[in-house]
Amino acid sequence: MTINHLNLVVTDVNKSVLFFERYFEFTCELIKGEHIIAILSNKENFTLVLMNSKNEDTTYPKDFHIGFMLDDLKAVDDLYQKLIKGGIAISQSPRKIRNSYAFYFWFENIFIEVGHYLS
């Protein structure tokens, strides 16, 4: 069994589509309505659904986050630099966190982890 998709509620669907396309290699397959729902996929056939918030306050539970595990340390460093150059605010650079080399940041009220598992 595998997880099929993840639905994230965001305040700006267009901005979020561009973010996930630019930094996480997703492709937007379909936008429904007036940018109310966007369906994205990646090369691993994972589907990410971005849904427009019905109100301005999109709040996730305190420890909720999504994580992207990359193939190696260089990929983590490269994505960190790409995010920084793109104007994404990240408070700490990649570092050893438990059994991974990772960093965390916020985008659209979503806490995002990027890392690589250390052997």
N, C-alpha and C. Protein backbone atom coordinates (compact mmCIF):
# COMPACT_ATOMS: atom_id res chain seq x y z
N MET A 1 0.84 -1.17 0.00
CA MET A 1 0.00 0.00 0.00
C MET A 1 0.89 1.24 0.00
N THR A 2 0.42 2.27 -0.67
CA THR A 2 1.16 3.53 -0.71
C THR A 2 0.18 4.69 -0.58
N ILE A 3 0.67 5.78 -0.08
CA ILE A 3 -0.18 6.97 0.00
C ILE A 3 -0.38 7.49 -1.42
N ASN A 4 -1.61 7.87 -1.74
CA ASN A 4 -1.95 8.27 -3.09
C ASN A 4 -1.79 9.76 -3.33
N HIS A 5 -2.25 10.58 -2.39
CA HIS A 5 -2.18 12.03 -2.59
C HIS A 5 -2.22 12.75 -1.26
N LEU A 6 -1.91 14.02 -1.33
CA LEU A 6 -1.99 14.91 -0.18
C LEU A 6 -2.72 16.16 -0.62
N ASN A 7 -3.69 16.60 0.17
CA ASN A 7 -4.42 17.82 -0.12
C ASN A 7 -3.98 18.88 0.89
N LEU A 8 -3.45 19.98 0.39
CA LEU A 8 -3.04 21.09 1.25
C LEU A 8 -3.94 22.29 0.98
N VAL A 9 -4.40 22.93 2.04
CA VAL A 9 -5.20 24.14 1.92
C VAL A 9 -4.25 25.33 2.00
N VAL A 10 -4.32 26.20 1.00
CA VAL A 10 -3.42 27.36 0.92
C VAL A 10 -4.24 28.62 0.66
N THR A 11 -3.65 29.76 0.95
CA THR A 11 -4.36 31.03 0.72
C THR A 11 -4.19 31.54 -0.72
N ASP A 12 -3.17 31.06 -1.42
CA ASP A 12 -2.92 31.52 -2.79
C ASP A 12 -2.51 30.31 -3.64
N VAL A 13 -3.47 29.76 -4.37
CA VAL A 13 -3.21 28.57 -5.18
C VAL A 13 -2.16 28.84 -6.25
N ASN A 14 -2.27 29.97 -6.96
CA ASN A 14 -1.30 30.28 -8.02
C ASN A 14 0.13 30.34 -7.49
N LYS A 15 0.32 31.07 -6.41
CA LYS A 15 1.64 31.20 -5.79
C LYS A 15 2.17 29.83 -5.36
N SER A 16 1.30 29.01 -4.82
CA SER A 16 1.70 27.69 -4.34
C SER A 16 2.06 26.75 -5.49
N VAL A 17 1.30 26.82 -6.58
CA VAL A 17 1.62 26.01 -7.76
C VAL A 17 3.02 26.36 -8.26
N LEU A 18 3.29 27.65 -8.42
CA LEU A 18 4.61 28.08 -8.89
C LEU A 18 5.72 27.63 -7.95
N PHE A 19 5.47 27.71 -6.65
CA PHE A 19 6.45 27.29 -5.65
C PHE A 19 6.78 25.80 -5.79
N PHE A 20 5.76 24.95 -5.83
CA PHE A 20 6.02 23.51 -5.90
C PHE A 20 6.58 23.10 -7.26
N GLU A 21 6.24 23.80 -8.32
CA GLU A 21 6.84 23.52 -9.62
C GLU A 21 8.31 23.92 -9.63
N ARG A 22 8.60 25.11 -9.15
CA ARG A 22 9.97 25.64 -9.23
C ARG A 22 10.95 24.90 -8.32
N TYR A 23 10.53 24.61 -7.10
CA TYR A 23 11.49 24.08 -6.13
C TYR A 23 11.39 22.57 -5.90
N PHE A 24 10.25 21.96 -6.17
CA PHE A 24 10.08 20.54 -5.86
C PHE A 24 9.71 19.69 -7.07
N GLU A 25 9.87 20.24 -8.26
CA GLU A 25 9.74 19.52 -9.52
C GLU A 25 8.37 18.89 -9.74
N PHE A 26 7.33 19.55 -9.25
CA PHE A 26 5.97 19.11 -9.55
C PHE A 26 5.53 19.74 -10.86
N THR A 27 4.56 19.11 -11.51
CA THR A 27 3.96 19.64 -12.72
C THR A 27 2.47 19.82 -12.46
N CYS A 28 1.96 20.98 -12.81
CA CYS A 28 0.52 21.23 -12.63
C CYS A 28 -0.22 20.53 -13.76
N GLU A 29 -1.08 19.59 -13.39
CA GLU A 29 -1.84 18.81 -14.37
C GLU A 29 -3.19 19.45 -14.69
N LEU A 30 -3.78 20.13 -13.69
CA LEU A 30 -5.12 20.65 -13.86
C LEU A 30 -5.41 21.73 -12.82
N ILE A 31 -6.08 22.78 -13.26
CA ILE A 31 -6.59 23.79 -12.33
C ILE A 31 -8.10 23.83 -12.53
N LYS A 32 -8.83 23.69 -11.43
CA LYS A 32 -10.29 23.69 -11.48
C LYS A 32 -10.83 25.02 -10.96
N GLY A 33 -11.88 25.49 -11.60
CA GLY A 33 -12.52 26.73 -11.17
C GLY A 33 -11.59 27.92 -11.36
N GLU A 34 -11.88 28.96 -10.66
CA GLU A 34 -11.05 30.16 -10.69
C GLU A 34 -9.89 30.00 -9.73
N HIS A 35 -9.01 29.07 -10.06
CA HIS A 35 -7.84 28.77 -9.23
C HIS A 35 -8.26 28.36 -7.82
N ILE A 36 -9.30 27.53 -7.76
CA ILE A 36 -9.79 27.03 -6.47
C ILE A 36 -9.05 25.76 -6.08
N ILE A 37 -8.79 24.90 -7.05
CA ILE A 37 -8.07 23.64 -6.80
C ILE A 37 -7.06 23.43 -7.91
N ALA A 38 -5.84 23.05 -7.54
CA ALA A 38 -4.82 22.68 -8.52
C ALA A 38 -4.36 21.26 -8.20
N ILE A 39 -4.18 20.48 -9.25
CA ILE A 39 -3.71 19.11 -9.09
C ILE A 39 -2.34 19.03 -9.74
N LEU A 40 -1.34 18.66 -8.92
CA LEU A 40 0.04 18.56 -9.38
C LEU A 40 0.52 17.13 -9.22
N SER A 41 1.53 16.76 -9.98
CA SER A 41 2.15 15.44 -9.82
C SER A 41 3.65 15.58 -10.01
N ASN A 42 4.37 14.56 -9.54
CA ASN A 42 5.82 14.57 -9.74
C ASN A 42 6.25 13.28 -10.42
N LYS A 43 7.54 13.13 -10.67
CA LYS A 43 8.03 11.97 -11.42
C LYS A 43 7.86 10.66 -10.66
N GLU A 44 7.62 10.74 -9.34
CA GLU A 44 7.36 9.54 -8.54
C GLU A 44 5.87 9.20 -8.53
N ASN A 45 5.09 9.89 -9.36
CA ASN A 45 3.64 9.69 -9.46
C ASN A 45 2.88 10.00 -8.18
N PHE A 46 3.41 10.94 -7.41
CA PHE A 46 2.70 11.41 -6.22
C PHE A 46 1.83 12.59 -6.63
N THR A 47 0.61 12.63 -6.16
CA THR A 47 -0.31 13.71 -6.48
C THR A 47 -0.42 14.67 -5.30
N LEU A 48 -0.21 15.93 -5.58
CA LEU A 48 -0.35 16.99 -4.59
C LEU A 48 -1.51 17.87 -5.02
N VAL A 49 -2.52 17.98 -4.17
CA VAL A 49 -3.68 18.81 -4.46
C VAL A 49 -3.58 20.07 -3.61
N LEU A 50 -3.70 21.21 -4.26
CA LEU A 50 -3.67 22.50 -3.56
C LEU A 50 -5.06 23.10 -3.66
N MET A 51 -5.65 23.36 -2.51
CA MET A 51 -7.02 23.86 -2.47
C MET A 51 -7.04 25.24 -1.83
N ASN A 52 -7.77 26.15 -2.47
CA ASN A 52 -7.88 27.50 -1.96
C ASN A 52 -8.65 27.52 -0.64
N SER A 53 -8.11 28.23 0.33
CA SER A 53 -8.77 28.38 1.62
C SER A 53 -10.06 29.16 1.45
N LYS A 54 -11.09 28.72 2.14
CA LYS A 54 -12.37 29.44 2.06
C LYS A 54 -12.36 30.69 2.93
N ASN A 55 -11.34 30.80 3.78
CA ASN A 55 -11.17 32.02 4.58
C ASN A 55 -9.68 32.35 4.60
N GLU A 56 -9.33 33.46 5.14
CA GLU A 56 -7.93 33.90 5.12
C GLU A 56 -7.04 33.16 6.11
N ASP A 57 -7.63 32.51 7.11
CA ASP A 57 -6.83 31.87 8.15
C ASP A 57 -6.72 30.38 7.92
N THR A 58 -5.63 29.95 7.33
CA THR A 58 -5.36 28.54 7.16
C THR A 58 -4.38 28.14 8.24
N THR A 59 -4.87 27.38 9.20
CA THR A 59 -4.03 26.99 10.33
C THR A 59 -3.95 25.47 10.41
N TYR A 60 -2.75 24.96 10.43
CA TYR A 60 -2.52 23.53 10.60
C TYR A 60 -2.17 23.27 12.06
N PRO A 61 -2.33 22.04 12.53
CA PRO A 61 -1.93 21.72 13.91
C PRO A 61 -0.46 22.05 14.14
N LYS A 62 -0.11 22.28 15.38
CA LYS A 62 1.22 22.77 15.78
C LYS A 62 2.38 22.00 15.14
N ASP A 63 2.36 20.69 15.17
CA ASP A 63 3.51 19.92 14.68
C ASP A 63 3.33 19.39 13.26
N PHE A 64 2.29 19.81 12.56
CA PHE A 64 2.06 19.35 11.20
C PHE A 64 3.16 19.87 10.28
N HIS A 65 3.69 18.99 9.44
CA HIS A 65 4.65 19.42 8.42
C HIS A 65 4.67 18.39 7.31
N ILE A 66 5.24 18.79 6.17
CA ILE A 66 5.48 17.85 5.08
C ILE A 66 6.98 17.76 4.88
N GLY A 67 7.45 16.59 4.47
CA GLY A 67 8.88 16.39 4.32
C GLY A 67 9.24 15.87 2.94
N PHE A 68 10.32 16.38 2.41
CA PHE A 68 10.87 15.93 1.14
C PHE A 68 12.27 15.38 1.42
N MET A 69 12.47 14.10 1.17
CA MET A 69 13.77 13.48 1.39
C MET A 69 14.47 13.37 0.03
N LEU A 70 15.66 13.93 -0.03
CA LEU A 70 16.42 13.98 -1.28
C LEU A 70 17.48 12.89 -1.32
N ASP A 71 18.08 12.69 -2.49
CA ASP A 71 18.99 11.57 -2.71
C ASP A 71 20.34 11.69 -2.01
N ASP A 72 20.82 12.92 -1.80
CA ASP A 72 22.14 13.07 -1.18
C ASP A 72 22.29 14.45 -0.54
N LEU A 73 23.41 14.64 0.15
CA LEU A 73 23.67 15.90 0.85
C LEU A 73 23.75 17.08 -0.12
N LYS A 74 24.37 16.86 -1.27
CA LYS A 74 24.51 17.93 -2.25
C LYS A 74 23.15 18.41 -2.73
N ALA A 75 22.22 17.50 -2.92
CA ALA A 75 20.88 17.89 -3.36
C ALA A 75 20.20 18.77 -2.30
N VAL A 76 20.42 18.45 -1.03
CA VAL A 76 19.86 19.28 0.05
C VAL A 76 20.47 20.67 0.01
N ASP A 77 21.80 20.74 -0.09
CA ASP A 77 22.48 22.04 -0.15
C ASP A 77 22.06 22.83 -1.39
N ASP A 78 21.95 22.15 -2.53
CA ASP A 78 21.55 22.84 -3.76
C ASP A 78 20.14 23.41 -3.66
N LEU A 79 19.21 22.64 -3.11
CA LEU A 79 17.85 23.14 -2.97
C LEU A 79 17.79 24.29 -1.97
N TYR A 80 18.55 24.18 -0.90
CA TYR A 80 18.62 25.27 0.08
C TYR A 80 19.06 26.57 -0.61
N GLN A 81 20.13 26.50 -1.40
CA GLN A 81 20.63 27.68 -2.10
C GLN A 81 19.60 28.22 -3.11
N LYS A 82 18.93 27.32 -3.80
CA LYS A 82 17.92 27.74 -4.78
C LYS A 82 16.76 28.46 -4.09
N LEU A 83 16.33 27.94 -2.95
CA LEU A 83 15.26 28.58 -2.19
C LEU A 83 15.69 29.97 -1.70
N ILE A 84 16.90 30.06 -1.15
CA ILE A 84 17.42 31.34 -0.66
C ILE A 84 17.50 32.35 -1.80
N LYS A 85 18.07 31.93 -2.93
CA LYS A 85 18.18 32.83 -4.09
C LYS A 85 16.82 33.25 -4.62
N GLY A 86 15.81 32.40 -4.40
CA GLY A 86 14.45 32.72 -4.84
C GLY A 86 13.68 33.59 -3.86
N GLY A 87 14.34 33.98 -2.77
CA GLY A 87 13.71 34.87 -1.81
C GLY A 87 12.90 34.19 -0.72
N ILE A 88 13.05 32.88 -0.59
CA ILE A 88 12.35 32.15 0.47
C ILE A 88 13.14 32.31 1.76
N ALA A 89 12.47 32.74 2.80
CA ALA A 89 13.13 32.96 4.10
C ALA A 89 13.33 31.62 4.82
N ILE A 90 14.58 31.35 5.15
CA ILE A 90 14.93 30.13 5.89
C ILE A 90 15.85 30.56 7.02
N SER A 91 15.47 30.25 8.25
CA SER A 91 16.22 30.78 9.40
C SER A 91 17.51 30.03 9.69
N GLN A 92 17.59 28.74 9.34
CA GLN A 92 18.81 27.98 9.60
C GLN A 92 19.20 27.18 8.37
N SER A 93 20.50 27.10 8.13
CA SER A 93 21.01 26.33 7.00
C SER A 93 20.92 24.83 7.31
N PRO A 94 21.12 23.99 6.29
CA PRO A 94 21.08 22.54 6.52
C PRO A 94 22.08 22.13 7.59
N ARG A 95 21.66 21.15 8.42
CA ARG A 95 22.51 20.66 9.50
C ARG A 95 22.04 19.26 9.90
N LYS A 96 22.83 18.60 10.73
CA LYS A 96 22.45 17.27 11.19
C LYS A 96 21.30 17.41 12.20
N ILE A 97 20.20 16.75 11.91
CA ILE A 97 19.04 16.71 12.79
C ILE A 97 18.66 15.23 12.93
N ARG A 98 18.83 14.70 14.14
CA ARG A 98 18.61 13.28 14.39
C ARG A 98 19.38 12.45 13.36
N ASN A 99 18.68 11.65 12.56
CA ASN A 99 19.35 10.78 11.60
C ASN A 99 19.29 11.35 10.18
N SER A 100 19.30 12.68 10.08
CA SER A 100 19.24 13.28 8.75
C SER A 100 20.06 14.56 8.69
N TYR A 101 20.31 14.99 7.48
CA TYR A 101 20.91 16.28 7.18
C TYR A 101 19.77 17.08 6.59
N ALA A 102 19.32 18.14 7.28
CA ALA A 102 18.06 18.75 6.87
C ALA A 102 17.96 20.22 7.24
N PHE A 103 16.91 20.84 6.73
CA PHE A 103 16.52 22.18 7.14
C PHE A 103 15.00 22.28 7.05
N TYR A 104 14.46 23.26 7.74
CA TYR A 104 13.01 23.48 7.79
C TYR A 104 12.72 24.94 7.44
N PHE A 105 11.53 25.16 6.90
CA PHE A 105 11.10 26.53 6.63
C PHE A 105 9.59 26.57 6.47
N TRP A 106 9.04 27.77 6.46
CA TRP A 106 7.61 27.98 6.30
C TRP A 106 7.31 28.52 4.90
N PHE A 107 6.22 28.01 4.32
CA PHE A 107 5.67 28.57 3.09
C PHE A 107 4.14 28.43 3.17
N GLU A 108 3.41 29.53 3.00
CA GLU A 108 1.94 29.51 3.01
C GLU A 108 1.38 28.80 4.25
N ASN A 109 1.92 29.08 5.41
CA ASN A 109 1.50 28.46 6.67
C ASN A 109 1.75 26.96 6.72
N ILE A 110 2.59 26.47 5.85
CA ILE A 110 2.95 25.05 5.83
C ILE A 110 4.41 24.93 6.25
N PHE A 111 4.66 24.11 7.25
CA PHE A 111 6.02 23.87 7.72
C PHE A 111 6.60 22.76 6.85
N ILE A 112 7.72 23.02 6.20
CA ILE A 112 8.31 22.10 5.23
C ILE A 112 9.69 21.67 5.69
N GLU A 113 9.94 20.37 5.60
CA GLU A 113 11.25 19.79 5.91
C GLU A 113 11.88 19.32 4.60
N VAL A 114 13.15 19.59 4.43
CA VAL A 114 13.93 19.08 3.30
C VAL A 114 15.15 18.42 3.89
N GLY A 115 15.41 17.17 3.50
CA GLY A 115 16.55 16.50 4.09
C GLY A 115 17.02 15.29 3.31
N HIS A 116 18.01 14.65 3.89
CA HIS A 116 18.58 13.40 3.38
C HIS A 116 18.88 12.53 4.59
N TYR A 117 18.42 11.27 4.56
CA TYR A 117 18.71 10.36 5.66
C TYR A 117 20.17 9.97 5.65
N LEU A 118 20.81 10.08 6.80
CA LEU A 118 22.21 9.69 6.93
C LEU A 118 22.28 8.19 7.21
N SER A 119 23.31 7.55 6.67
CA SER A 119 23.42 6.09 6.88
C SER A 119 24.17 5.77 8.15
